């Protein structure tokens, strides 16, 4: 059985590609599964109760999927319905959003391959530009022709060329390759910090703007600013942003805990990655 490595960016792509997949588990079953790794670790401030309070069904599903990708990816693929080539599907969708062509991610036979450090750079044409399909295709072609320009100049020329008063969005993501984990340090810091975060989140829920925070607690973090774009001058705006920052930080900590416990090296069966749409790195 040949095992290969993927980067943290590729792992995040797998996670995102599962976002629209479904599970047959109920909310109660998701909570039980996710918190089963932490039984008796949080005493009266249980992970189960806090997850139930702060995270919606889709967020719980994401926790479960990410845990299973790291613990038993093969059984998760058997569980989900629909297209199993989740990365191929995700790349197709990405190419309808980004100006530069997105390629399938690569797996690496050599964990020290230089391409594991390659960063991601792309450009998004916002929906606010209101380009029809023909103009959108023309715009992506134009951006590719002028991609040698600095982003500020490219953006300025784009707005003139396509008579658009909204800015292009530049996307730059660092690809750090493998992350090093100290399991003992992760464990000690994890419990203390997560407890502290949950306490702070409950403080927000009981504070001056409790009703506003409560109404927004299940909002998706990645769509939050757009949801609140007309409320930036309201006194509760920063409280809601702080609450969701704490919530997203806690989510990242739980995911890192699962990485350290189940698959710290991010290694998977080569045949499994082939089946979902990965390609082999040409550099190693």
Foldseek 3Di string as FASTA:
>chain_A
DAKWFAFPVLLVLVLVLCLPWDAPDDQVRLLCVLQVVQPPPQPPLGPSVLCVQQEDPSLSVSSVQLLCCLAPPPVVLVGTDDASLSQVVSQVVVCVFWLDRDAFAAIESDLPFPCLFDKDKTKGDDCQQVDPPVVVNVLSVVCVVVVVDDQVVSQVVSCVVSVGPDTIDIDIGTTPRADDDDLVVLVVCLNVLLSVLSVVLVCLCPDPPNVVLSVCSHPDLVCVCVVCVVPPPPPCVVSNNVSVVSVVVNSVSSSVNSCVVRPRRRMDDPVSNVSNRHHHDPRD
